[in-house]
Amino acid sequence: METKKERPAMPEQIRGEVSLVMQNKDTENLSNRQRKVAKLLSTGKYSAADISIVLHFSDPRSYIRELQNKDLNVEDEWITYEDVRFKRYWITPEKPQGYGRK
């Protein structure tokens, strides 16, 4: 009789295991979904459609809006590509106080 092998961890299982430390903000007040969106946006620039595909959330714009209301530095820009216009979102890390001073 063959023994069952455990399958490798899927991306959705790995995603939630990484802790999120950003911008010296209190991230304990974020919901699990808000934390996942914030973690993703801290790694690069994504459109709402990209976030939906990666995280399997139906409409991540409400989570982005909530992150902005919680004073996380979520930035956006309008992109026009082949007559389609959409926003791309990302989080820029805050610079420590005194950074860049001489």
PDB file of N, CA and C in Angstrom:
ATOM      1  N   MET A   1       0.828  -1.170   0.000  1.00  0.00           N
ATOM      2  CA  MET A   1       0.000   0.000   0.000  1.00  0.00           C
ATOM      3  C   MET A   1       0.885   1.251   0.000  1.00  0.00           C
ATOM      4  N   GLU A   2       0.541   2.195  -0.859  1.00  0.00           N
ATOM      5  CA  GLU A   2       1.328   3.414  -0.968  1.00  0.00           C
ATOM      6  C   GLU A   2       0.922   4.413   0.107  1.00  0.00           C
ATOM      7  N   THR A   3       1.921   5.125   0.613  1.00  0.00           N
ATOM      8  CA  THR A   3       1.614   6.180   1.576  1.00  0.00           C
ATOM      9  C   THR A   3       1.353   7.476   0.819  1.00  0.00           C
ATOM     10  N   LYS A   4       0.438   8.262   1.346  1.00  0.00           N
ATOM     11  CA  LYS A   4       0.110   9.528   0.684  1.00  0.00           C
ATOM     12  C   LYS A   4       1.203  10.542   0.951  1.00  0.00           C
ATOM     13  N   LYS A   5       1.598  11.217  -0.099  1.00  0.00           N
ATOM     14  CA  LYS A   5       2.576  12.276   0.043  1.00  0.00           C
ATOM     15  C   LYS A   5       1.835  13.588   0.244  1.00  0.00           C
ATOM     16  N   GLU A   6       2.394  14.418   1.099  1.00  0.00           N
ATOM     17  CA  GLU A   6       1.773  15.721   1.336  1.00  0.00           C
ATOM     18  C   GLU A   6       2.100  16.635   0.167  1.00  0.00           C
ATOM     19  N   ARG A   7       1.078  17.309  -0.329  1.00  0.00           N
ATOM     20  CA  ARG A   7       1.297  18.192  -1.469  1.00  0.00           C
ATOM     21  C   ARG A   7       2.060  19.443  -1.025  1.00  0.00           C
ATOM     22  N   PRO A   8       2.804  20.065  -1.926  1.00  0.00           N
ATOM     23  CA  PRO A   8       3.530  21.287  -1.564  1.00  0.00           C
ATOM     24  C   PRO A   8       2.557  22.411  -1.216  1.00  0.00           C
ATOM     25  N   ALA A   9       3.035  23.348  -0.423  1.00  0.00           N
ATOM     26  CA  ALA A   9       2.190  24.470  -0.010  1.00  0.00           C
ATOM     27  C   ALA A   9       1.778  25.287  -1.222  1.00  0.00           C
ATOM     28  N   MET A  10       0.506  25.617  -1.267  1.00  0.00           N
ATOM     29  CA  MET A  10      -0.021  26.429  -2.357  1.00  0.00           C
ATOM     30  C   MET A  10       0.198  27.899  -2.023  1.00  0.00           C
ATOM     31  N   PRO A  11       0.252  28.776  -3.045  1.00  0.00           N
ATOM     32  CA  PRO A  11       0.472  30.202  -2.788  1.00  0.00           C
ATOM     33  C   PRO A  11      -0.517  30.802  -1.804  1.00  0.00           C
ATOM     34  N   GLU A  12      -1.787  30.378  -1.848  1.00  0.00           N
ATOM     35  CA  GLU A  12      -2.765  30.953  -0.924  1.00  0.00           C
ATOM     36  C   GLU A  12      -2.478  30.544   0.516  1.00  0.00           C
ATOM     37  N   GLN A  13      -1.805  29.418   0.735  1.00  0.00           N
ATOM     38  CA  GLN A  13      -1.446  29.008   2.081  1.00  0.00           C
ATOM     39  C   GLN A  13      -0.227  29.772   2.579  1.00  0.00           C
ATOM     40  N   ILE A  14       0.667  30.084   1.695  1.00  0.00           N
ATOM     41  CA  ILE A  14       1.887  30.794   2.057  1.00  0.00           C
ATOM     42  C   ILE A  14       1.603  32.273   2.298  1.00  0.00           C
ATOM     43  N   ARG A  15       0.698  32.842   1.517  1.00  0.00           N
ATOM     44  CA  ARG A  15       0.427  34.277   1.581  1.00  0.00           C
ATOM     45  C   ARG A  15       0.127  34.781   2.985  1.00  0.00           C
ATOM     46  N   GLY A  16      -0.706  34.062   3.714  1.00  0.00           N
ATOM     47  CA  GLY A  16      -1.140  34.539   5.012  1.00  0.00           C
ATOM     48  C   GLY A  16      -0.118  34.333   6.119  1.00  0.00           C
ATOM     49  N   GLU A  17       0.958  33.579   5.868  1.00  0.00           N
ATOM     50  CA  GLU A  17       1.908  33.246   6.912  1.00  0.00           C
ATOM     51  C   GLU A  17       2.976  34.312   7.108  1.00  0.00           C
ATOM     52  N   VAL A  18       3.179  35.175   6.152  1.00  0.00           N
ATOM     53  CA  VAL A  18       4.233  36.182   6.247  1.00  0.00           C
ATOM     54  C   VAL A  18       3.717  37.365   7.042  1.00  0.00           C
ATOM     55  N   SER A  19       4.492  37.789   8.024  1.00  0.00           N
ATOM     56  CA  SER A  19       4.045  38.921   8.837  1.00  0.00           C
ATOM     57  C   SER A  19       4.242  40.214   8.059  1.00  0.00           C
ATOM     58  N   LEU A  20       3.451  41.212   8.412  1.00  0.00           N
ATOM     59  CA  LEU A  20       3.463  42.486   7.713  1.00  0.00           C
ATOM     60  C   LEU A  20       3.921  43.577   8.664  1.00  0.00           C
ATOM     61  N   VAL A  21       5.081  44.143   8.392  1.00  0.00           N
ATOM     62  CA  VAL A  21       5.567  45.271   9.180  1.00  0.00           C
ATOM     63  C   VAL A  21       5.845  46.383   8.196  1.00  0.00           C
ATOM     64  N   MET A  22       5.040  47.450   8.285  1.00  0.00           N
ATOM     65  CA  MET A  22       5.168  48.546   7.338  1.00  0.00           C
ATOM     66  C   MET A  22       5.035  49.869   8.046  1.00  0.00           C
ATOM     67  N   GLN A  23       5.810  50.800   7.636  1.00  0.00           N
ATOM     68  CA  GLN A  23       5.600  52.212   7.904  1.00  0.00           C
ATOM     69  C   GLN A  23       5.388  52.549   9.366  1.00  0.00           C
ATOM     70  N   ASN A  24       5.786  51.687  10.292  1.00  0.00           N
ATOM     71  CA  ASN A  24       5.605  51.918  11.723  1.00  0.00           C
ATOM     72  C   ASN A  24       4.154  52.240  12.066  1.00  0.00           C
ATOM     73  N   LYS A  25       3.219  51.731  11.329  1.00  0.00           N
ATOM     74  CA  LYS A  25       1.796  51.923  11.598  1.00  0.00           C
ATOM     75  C   LYS A  25       1.289  50.713  12.377  1.00  0.00           C
ATOM     76  N   ASP A  26       0.191  50.885  13.074  1.00  0.00           N
ATOM     77  CA  ASP A  26      -0.396  49.794  13.829  1.00  0.00           C
ATOM     78  C   ASP A  26      -1.175  48.910  12.863  1.00  0.00           C
ATOM     79  N   THR A  27      -0.587  47.798  12.454  1.00  0.00           N
ATOM     80  CA  THR A  27      -1.230  46.925  11.482  1.00  0.00           C
ATOM     81  C   THR A  27      -2.147  45.912  12.154  1.00  0.00           C
ATOM     82  N   GLU A  28      -2.184  45.892  13.496  1.00  0.00           N
ATOM     83  CA  GLU A  28      -3.092  44.973  14.177  1.00  0.00           C
ATOM     84  C   GLU A  28      -4.545  45.375  13.961  1.00  0.00           C
ATOM     85  N   ASN A  29      -4.791  46.637  13.627  1.00  0.00           N
ATOM     86  CA  ASN A  29      -6.153  47.107  13.398  1.00  0.00           C
ATOM     87  C   ASN A  29      -6.666  46.762  12.004  1.00  0.00           C
ATOM     88  N   LEU A  30      -5.843  46.129  11.188  1.00  0.00           N
ATOM     89  CA  LEU A  30      -6.252  45.753   9.841  1.00  0.00           C
ATOM     90  C   LEU A  30      -6.911  44.373   9.857  1.00  0.00           C
ATOM     91  N   SER A  31      -7.910  44.225   9.016  1.00  0.00           N
ATOM     92  CA  SER A  31      -8.502  42.900   8.863  1.00  0.00           C
ATOM     93  C   SER A  31      -7.531  42.013   8.092  1.00  0.00           C
ATOM     94  N   ASN A  32      -7.802  40.737   8.064  1.00  0.00           N
ATOM     95  CA  ASN A  32      -6.939  39.796   7.358  1.00  0.00           C
ATOM     96  C   ASN A  32      -6.845  40.158   5.873  1.00  0.00           C
ATOM     97  N   ARG A  33      -7.961  40.507   5.255  1.00  0.00           N
ATOM     98  CA  ARG A  33      -7.957  40.861   3.834  1.00  0.00           C
ATOM     99  C   ARG A  33      -7.222  42.177   3.592  1.00  0.00           C
ATOM    100  N   GLN A  34      -7.417  43.152   4.478  1.00  0.00           N
ATOM    101  CA  GLN A  34      -6.698  44.424   4.339  1.00  0.00           C
ATOM    102  C   GLN A  34      -5.192  44.184   4.443  1.00  0.00           C
ATOM    103  N   ARG A  35      -4.794  43.315   5.366  1.00  0.00           N
ATOM    104  CA  ARG A  35      -3.376  43.004   5.551  1.00  0.00           C
ATOM    105  C   ARG A  35      -2.796  42.351   4.294  1.00  0.00           C
ATOM    106  N   LYS A  36      -3.572  41.455   3.669  1.00  0.00           N
ATOM    107  CA  LYS A  36      -3.095  40.793   2.452  1.00  0.00           C
ATOM    108  C   LYS A  36      -2.948  41.792   1.302  1.00  0.00           C
ATOM    109  N   VAL A  37      -3.910  42.709   1.159  1.00  0.00           N
ATOM    110  CA  VAL A  37      -3.831  43.724   0.105  1.00  0.00           C
ATOM    111  C   VAL A  37      -2.634  44.639   0.365  1.00  0.00           C
ATOM    112  N   ALA A  38      -2.438  45.048   1.615  1.00  0.00           N
ATOM    113  CA  ALA A  38      -1.313  45.928   1.953  1.00  0.00           C
ATOM    114  C   ALA A  38       0.019  45.246   1.680  1.00  0.00           C
ATOM    115  N   LYS A  39       0.119  43.964   2.017  1.00  0.00           N
ATOM    116  CA  LYS A  39       1.354  43.220   1.764  1.00  0.00           C
ATOM    117  C   LYS A  39       1.651  43.146   0.266  1.00  0.00           C
ATOM    118  N   LEU A  40       0.620  42.876  -0.516  1.00  0.00           N
ATOM    119  CA  LEU A  40       0.805  42.798  -1.961  1.00  0.00           C
ATOM    120  C   LEU A  40       1.208  44.151  -2.543  1.00  0.00           C
ATOM    121  N   LEU A  41       0.536  45.220  -2.118  1.00  0.00           N
ATOM    122  CA  LEU A  41       0.833  46.544  -2.656  1.00  0.00           C
ATOM    123  C   LEU A  41       2.215  47.043  -2.238  1.00  0.00           C
ATOM    124  N   SER A  42       2.753  46.513  -1.159  1.00  0.00           N
ATOM    125  CA  SER A  42       4.090  46.926  -0.744  1.00  0.00           C
ATOM    126  C   SER A  42       5.178  46.271  -1.597  1.00  0.00           C
ATOM    127  N   THR A  43       4.800  45.288  -2.434  1.00  0.00           N
ATOM    128  CA  THR A  43       5.783  44.605  -3.281  1.00  0.00           C
ATOM    129  C   THR A  43       5.844  45.144  -4.707  1.00  0.00           C
ATOM    130  N   GLY A  44       4.892  46.006  -5.083  1.00  0.00           N
ATOM    131  CA  GLY A  44       4.901  46.522  -6.452  1.00  0.00           C
ATOM    132  C   GLY A  44       3.620  47.260  -6.788  1.00  0.00           C
ATOM    133  N   LYS A  45       3.463  47.580  -8.075  1.00  0.00           N
ATOM    134  CA  LYS A  45       2.298  48.315  -8.555  1.00  0.00           C
ATOM    135  C   LYS A  45       1.305  47.337  -9.189  1.00  0.00           C
ATOM    136  N   TYR A  46       0.030  47.444  -8.757  1.00  0.00           N
ATOM    137  CA  TYR A  46      -0.999  46.524  -9.223  1.00  0.00           C
ATOM    138  C   TYR A  46      -2.286  47.275  -9.505  1.00  0.00           C
ATOM    139  N   SER A  47      -2.996  46.841 -10.532  1.00  0.00           N
ATOM    140  CA  SER A  47      -4.343  47.364 -10.796  1.00  0.00           C
ATOM    141  C   SER A  47      -5.336  46.575  -9.949  1.00  0.00           C
ATOM    142  N   ALA A  48      -6.562  47.058  -9.858  1.00  0.00           N
ATOM    143  CA  ALA A  48      -7.596  46.351  -9.111  1.00  0.00           C
ATOM    144  C   ALA A  48      -7.825  44.954  -9.704  1.00  0.00           C
ATOM    145  N   ALA A  49      -7.756  44.840 -11.023  1.00  0.00           N
ATOM    146  CA  ALA A  49      -7.919  43.530 -11.670  1.00  0.00           C
ATOM    147  C   ALA A  49      -6.778  42.592 -11.291  1.00  0.00           C
ATOM    148  N   ASP A  50      -5.552  43.112 -11.243  1.00  0.00           N
ATOM    149  CA  ASP A  50      -4.404  42.288 -10.847  1.00  0.00           C
ATOM    150  C   ASP A  50      -4.570  41.773  -9.421  1.00  0.00           C
ATOM    151  N   ILE A  51      -5.003  42.662  -8.527  1.00  0.00           N
ATOM    152  CA  ILE A  51      -5.195  42.275  -7.129  1.00  0.00           C
ATOM    153  C   ILE A  51      -6.284  41.207  -7.031  1.00  0.00           C
ATOM    154  N   SER A  52      -7.354  41.372  -7.809  1.00  0.00           N
ATOM    155  CA  SER A  52      -8.434  40.376  -7.812  1.00  0.00           C
ATOM    156  C   SER A  52      -7.932  39.015  -8.259  1.00  0.00           C
ATOM    157  N   ILE A  53      -7.081  38.993  -9.255  1.00  0.00           N
ATOM    158  CA  ILE A  53      -6.555  37.731  -9.780  1.00  0.00           C
ATOM    159  C   ILE A  53      -5.625  37.073  -8.771  1.00  0.00           C
ATOM    160  N   VAL A  54      -4.734  37.850  -8.170  1.00  0.00           N
ATOM    161  CA  VAL A  54      -3.740  37.284  -7.256  1.00  0.00           C
ATOM    162  C   VAL A  54      -4.372  36.829  -5.940  1.00  0.00           C
ATOM    163  N   LEU A  55      -5.235  37.678  -5.361  1.00  0.00           N
ATOM    164  CA  LEU A  55      -5.782  37.386  -4.035  1.00  0.00           C
ATOM    165  C   LEU A  55      -7.170  36.748  -4.059  1.00  0.00           C
ATOM    166  N   HIS A  56      -7.793  36.663  -5.238  1.00  0.00           N
ATOM    167  CA  HIS A  56      -9.130  36.081  -5.393  1.00  0.00           C
ATOM    168  C   HIS A  56     -10.198  36.858  -4.618  1.00  0.00           C
ATOM    169  N   PHE A  57     -10.051  38.194  -4.556  1.00  0.00           N
ATOM    170  CA  PHE A  57     -11.066  39.057  -3.956  1.00  0.00           C
ATOM    171  C   PHE A  57     -11.893  39.645  -5.087  1.00  0.00           C
ATOM    172  N   SER A  58     -13.196  39.748  -4.895  1.00  0.00           N
ATOM    173  CA  SER A  58     -14.055  40.207  -5.979  1.00  0.00           C
ATOM    174  C   SER A  58     -13.832  41.677  -6.322  1.00  0.00           C
ATOM    175  N   ASP A  59     -13.696  42.550  -5.337  1.00  0.00           N
ATOM    176  CA  ASP A  59     -13.470  43.962  -5.614  1.00  0.00           C
ATOM    177  C   ASP A  59     -12.552  44.553  -4.540  1.00  0.00           C
ATOM    178  N   PRO A  60     -11.250  44.594  -4.784  1.00  0.00           N
ATOM    179  CA  PRO A  60     -10.305  45.040  -3.757  1.00  0.00           C
ATOM    180  C   PRO A  60     -10.277  46.558  -3.543  1.00  0.00           C
ATOM    181  N   ARG A  61     -11.007  47.325  -4.351  1.00  0.00           N
ATOM    182  CA  ARG A  61     -10.947  48.780  -4.206  1.00  0.00           C
ATOM    183  C   ARG A  61     -11.460  49.247  -2.851  1.00  0.00           C
ATOM    184  N   SER A  62     -12.410  48.547  -2.272  1.00  0.00           N
ATOM    185  CA  SER A  62     -12.896  48.936  -0.943  1.00  0.00           C
ATOM    186  C   SER A  62     -11.805  48.719   0.108  1.00  0.00           C
ATOM    187  N   TYR A  63     -11.008  47.659  -0.029  1.00  0.00           N
ATOM    188  CA  TYR A  63      -9.912  47.423   0.907  1.00  0.00           C
ATOM    189  C   TYR A  63      -8.833  48.489   0.735  1.00  0.00           C
ATOM    190  N   ILE A  64      -8.586  48.901  -0.498  1.00  0.00           N
ATOM    191  CA  ILE A  64      -7.610  49.958  -0.754  1.00  0.00           C
ATOM    192  C   ILE A  64      -8.082  51.265  -0.123  1.00  0.00           C
ATOM    193  N   ARG A  65      -9.356  51.571  -0.275  1.00  0.00           N
ATOM    194  CA  ARG A  65      -9.916  52.787   0.312  1.00  0.00           C
ATOM    195  C   ARG A  65      -9.797  52.756   1.840  1.00  0.00           C
ATOM    196  N   GLU A  66     -10.061  51.598   2.447  1.00  0.00           N
ATOM    197  CA  GLU A  66      -9.944  51.468   3.891  1.00  0.00           C
ATOM    198  C   GLU A  66      -8.497  51.635   4.349  1.00  0.00           C
ATOM    199  N   LEU A  67      -7.547  51.124   3.577  1.00  0.00           N
ATOM    200  CA  LEU A  67      -6.137  51.308   3.910  1.00  0.00           C
ATOM    201  C   LEU A  67      -5.752  52.781   3.845  1.00  0.00           C
ATOM    202  N   GLN A  68      -6.259  53.486   2.835  1.00  0.00           N
ATOM    203  CA  GLN A  68      -5.993  54.920   2.728  1.00  0.00           C
ATOM    204  C   GLN A  68      -6.596  55.672   3.905  1.00  0.00           C
ATOM    205  N   ASN A  69      -7.782  55.274   4.352  1.00  0.00           N
ATOM    206  CA  ASN A  69      -8.431  55.912   5.498  1.00  0.00           C
ATOM    207  C   ASN A  69      -7.692  55.632   6.803  1.00  0.00           C
ATOM    208  N   LYS A  70      -6.913  54.543   6.840  1.00  0.00           N
ATOM    209  CA  LYS A  70      -6.131  54.211   8.031  1.00  0.00           C
ATOM    210  C   LYS A  70      -4.722  54.800   7.946  1.00  0.00           C
ATOM    211  N   ASP A  71      -4.533  55.773   7.057  1.00  0.00           N
ATOM    212  CA  ASP A  71      -3.281  56.525   6.919  1.00  0.00           C
ATOM    213  C   ASP A  71      -2.090  55.703   6.435  1.00  0.00           C
ATOM    214  N   LEU A  72      -2.342  54.619   5.718  1.00  0.00           N
ATOM    215  CA  LEU A  72      -1.247  53.944   5.038  1.00  0.00           C
ATOM    216  C   LEU A  72      -0.986  54.701   3.740  1.00  0.00           C
ATOM    217  N   ASN A  73       0.238  54.749   3.332  1.00  0.00           N
ATOM    218  CA  ASN A  73       0.647  55.561   2.188  1.00  0.00           C
ATOM    219  C   ASN A  73       0.373  54.824   0.871  1.00  0.00           C
ATOM    220  N   VAL A  74      -0.909  54.588   0.557  1.00  0.00           N
ATOM    221  CA  VAL A  74      -1.297  53.928  -0.691  1.00  0.00           C
ATOM    222  C   VAL A  74      -1.380  54.997  -1.775  1.00  0.00           C
ATOM    223  N   GLU A  75      -0.542  54.864  -2.771  1.00  0.00           N
ATOM    224  CA  GLU A  75      -0.523  55.818  -3.872  1.00  0.00           C
ATOM    225  C   GLU A  75      -1.162  55.186  -5.103  1.00  0.00           C
ATOM    226  N   ASP A  76      -1.600  56.041  -6.028  1.00  0.00           N
ATOM    227  CA  ASP A  76      -2.209  55.533  -7.250  1.00  0.00           C
ATOM    228  C   ASP A  76      -1.861  56.444  -8.413  1.00  0.00           C
ATOM    229  N   GLU A  77      -2.029  55.896  -9.598  1.00  0.00           N
ATOM    230  CA  GLU A  77      -1.819  56.664 -10.825  1.00  0.00           C
ATOM    231  C   GLU A  77      -2.762  56.119 -11.888  1.00  0.00           C
ATOM    232  N   TRP A  78      -3.216  57.006 -12.766  1.00  0.00           N
ATOM    233  CA  TRP A  78      -4.068  56.594 -13.881  1.00  0.00           C
ATOM    234  C   TRP A  78      -3.172  56.122 -15.019  1.00  0.00           C
ATOM    235  N   ILE A  79      -3.519  55.009 -15.628  1.00  0.00           N
ATOM    236  CA  ILE A  79      -2.793  54.429 -16.755  1.00  0.00           C
ATOM    237  C   ILE A  79      -3.760  54.322 -17.931  1.00  0.00           C
ATOM    238  N   THR A  80      -3.301  54.712 -19.113  1.00  0.00           N
ATOM    239  CA  THR A  80      -4.079  54.508 -20.332  1.00  0.00           C
ATOM    240  C   THR A  80      -3.296  53.556 -21.223  1.00  0.00           C
ATOM    241  N   TYR A  81      -3.924  52.434 -21.545  1.00  0.00           N
ATOM    242  CA  TYR A  81      -3.277  51.418 -22.361  1.00  0.00           C
ATOM    243  C   TYR A  81      -4.276  50.923 -23.389  1.00  0.00           C
ATOM    244  N   GLU A  82      -3.996  51.179 -24.659  1.00  0.00           N
ATOM    245  CA  GLU A  82      -4.859  50.751 -25.763  1.00  0.00           C
ATOM    246  C   GLU A  82      -6.322  51.124 -25.508  1.00  0.00           C
ATOM    247  N   ASP A  83      -6.579  52.386 -25.290  1.00  0.00           N
ATOM    248  CA  ASP A  83      -7.926  52.933 -25.093  1.00  0.00           C
ATOM    249  C   ASP A  83      -8.632  52.416 -23.837  1.00  0.00           C
ATOM    250  N   VAL A  84      -7.886  51.824 -22.916  1.00  0.00           N
ATOM    251  CA  VAL A  84      -8.439  51.392 -21.636  1.00  0.00           C
ATOM    252  C   VAL A  84      -7.759  52.219 -20.551  1.00  0.00           C
ATOM    253  N   ARG A  85      -8.555  52.763 -19.644  1.00  0.00           N
ATOM    254  CA  ARG A  85      -8.031  53.606 -18.585  1.00  0.00           C
ATOM    255  C   ARG A  85      -8.299  52.928 -17.244  1.00  0.00           C
ATOM    256  N   PHE A  86      -7.251  52.814 -16.407  1.00  0.00           N
ATOM    257  CA  PHE A  86      -7.396  52.170 -15.106  1.00  0.00           C
ATOM    258  C   PHE A  86      -6.376  52.751 -14.141  1.00  0.00           C
ATOM    259  N   LYS A  87      -6.579  52.473 -12.853  1.00  0.00           N
ATOM    260  CA  LYS A  87      -5.655  52.932 -11.823  1.00  0.00           C
ATOM    261  C   LYS A  87      -4.729  51.799 -11.423  1.00  0.00           C
ATOM    262  N   ARG A  88      -3.508  52.193 -11.094  1.00  0.00           N
ATOM    263  CA  ARG A  88      -2.536  51.256 -10.545  1.00  0.00           C
ATOM    264  C   ARG A  88      -2.199  51.729  -9.140  1.00  0.00           C
ATOM    265  N   TYR A  89      -2.140  50.824  -8.177  1.00  0.00           N
ATOM    266  CA  TYR A  89      -1.928  51.156  -6.771  1.00  0.00           C
ATOM    267  C   TYR A  89      -0.627  50.550  -6.273  1.00  0.00           C
ATOM    268  N   TRP A  90      -0.020  51.211  -5.286  1.00  0.00           N
ATOM    269  CA  TRP A  90       1.161  50.693  -4.617  1.00  0.00           C
ATOM    270  C   TRP A  90       1.336  51.409  -3.289  1.00  0.00           C
ATOM    271  N   ILE A  91       2.149  50.830  -2.418  1.00  0.00           N
ATOM    272  CA  ILE A  91       2.474  51.450  -1.139  1.00  0.00           C
ATOM    273  C   ILE A  91       3.953  51.770  -1.147  1.00  0.00           C
ATOM    274  N   THR A  92       4.271  53.031  -0.887  1.00  0.00           N
ATOM    275  CA  THR A  92       5.670  53.431  -0.772  1.00  0.00           C
ATOM    276  C   THR A  92       6.034  53.477   0.697  1.00  0.00           C
ATOM    277  N   PRO A  93       7.155  52.892   1.056  1.00  0.00           N
ATOM    278  CA  PRO A  93       7.548  52.902   2.466  1.00  0.00           C
ATOM    279  C   PRO A  93       7.913  54.316   2.907  1.00  0.00           C
ATOM    280  N   GLU A  94       7.588  54.622   4.151  1.00  0.00           N
ATOM    281  CA  GLU A  94       7.953  55.926   4.692  1.00  0.00           C
ATOM    282  C   GLU A  94       9.434  55.945   4.976  1.00  0.00           C
ATOM    283  N   LYS A  95      10.038  57.083   4.772  1.00  0.00           N
ATOM    284  CA  LYS A  95      11.446  57.244   5.101  1.00  0.00           C
ATOM    285  C   LYS A  95      11.551  57.555   6.591  1.00  0.00           C
ATOM    286  N   PRO A  96      12.569  57.008   7.264  1.00  0.00           N
ATOM    287  CA  PRO A  96      12.720  57.301   8.684  1.00  0.00           C
ATOM    288  C   PRO A  96      12.979  58.792   8.918  1.00  0.00           C
ATOM    289  N   GLN A  97      12.631  59.265  10.092  1.00  0.00           N
ATOM    290  CA  GLN A  97      12.855  60.676  10.400  1.00  0.00           C
ATOM    291  C   GLN A  97      14.345  60.958  10.332  1.00  0.00           C
ATOM    292  N   GLY A  98      14.673  62.096   9.750  1.00  0.00           N
ATOM    293  CA  GLY A  98      16.074  62.480   9.604  1.00  0.00           C
ATOM    294  C   GLY A  98      16.725  61.892   8.369  1.00  0.00           C
ATOM    295  N   TYR A  99      15.991  61.095   7.607  1.00  0.00           N
ATOM    296  CA  TYR A  99      16.548  60.476   6.401  1.00  0.00           C
ATOM    297  C   TYR A  99      16.818  61.542   5.364  1.00  0.00           C
ATOM    298  N   GLY A 100      17.995  61.546   4.807  1.00  0.00           N
ATOM    299  CA  GLY A 100      18.334  62.490   3.753  1.00  0.00           C
ATOM    300  C   GLY A 100      18.879  63.821   4.258  1.00  0.00           C
ATOM    301  N   ARG A 101      18.917  64.002   5.562  1.00  0.00           N
ATOM    302  CA  ARG A 101      19.469  65.248   6.099  1.00  0.00           C
ATOM    303  C   ARG A 101      20.966  65.161   6.173  1.00  0.00           C
ATOM    304  N   LYS A 102      21.598  66.298   5.987  1.00  0.00           N
ATOM    305  CA  LYS A 102      23.069  66.312   6.057  1.00  0.00           C
ATOM    306  C   LYS A 102      23.514  67.078   7.266  1.00  0.00           C
TER     307      LYS A 102
END
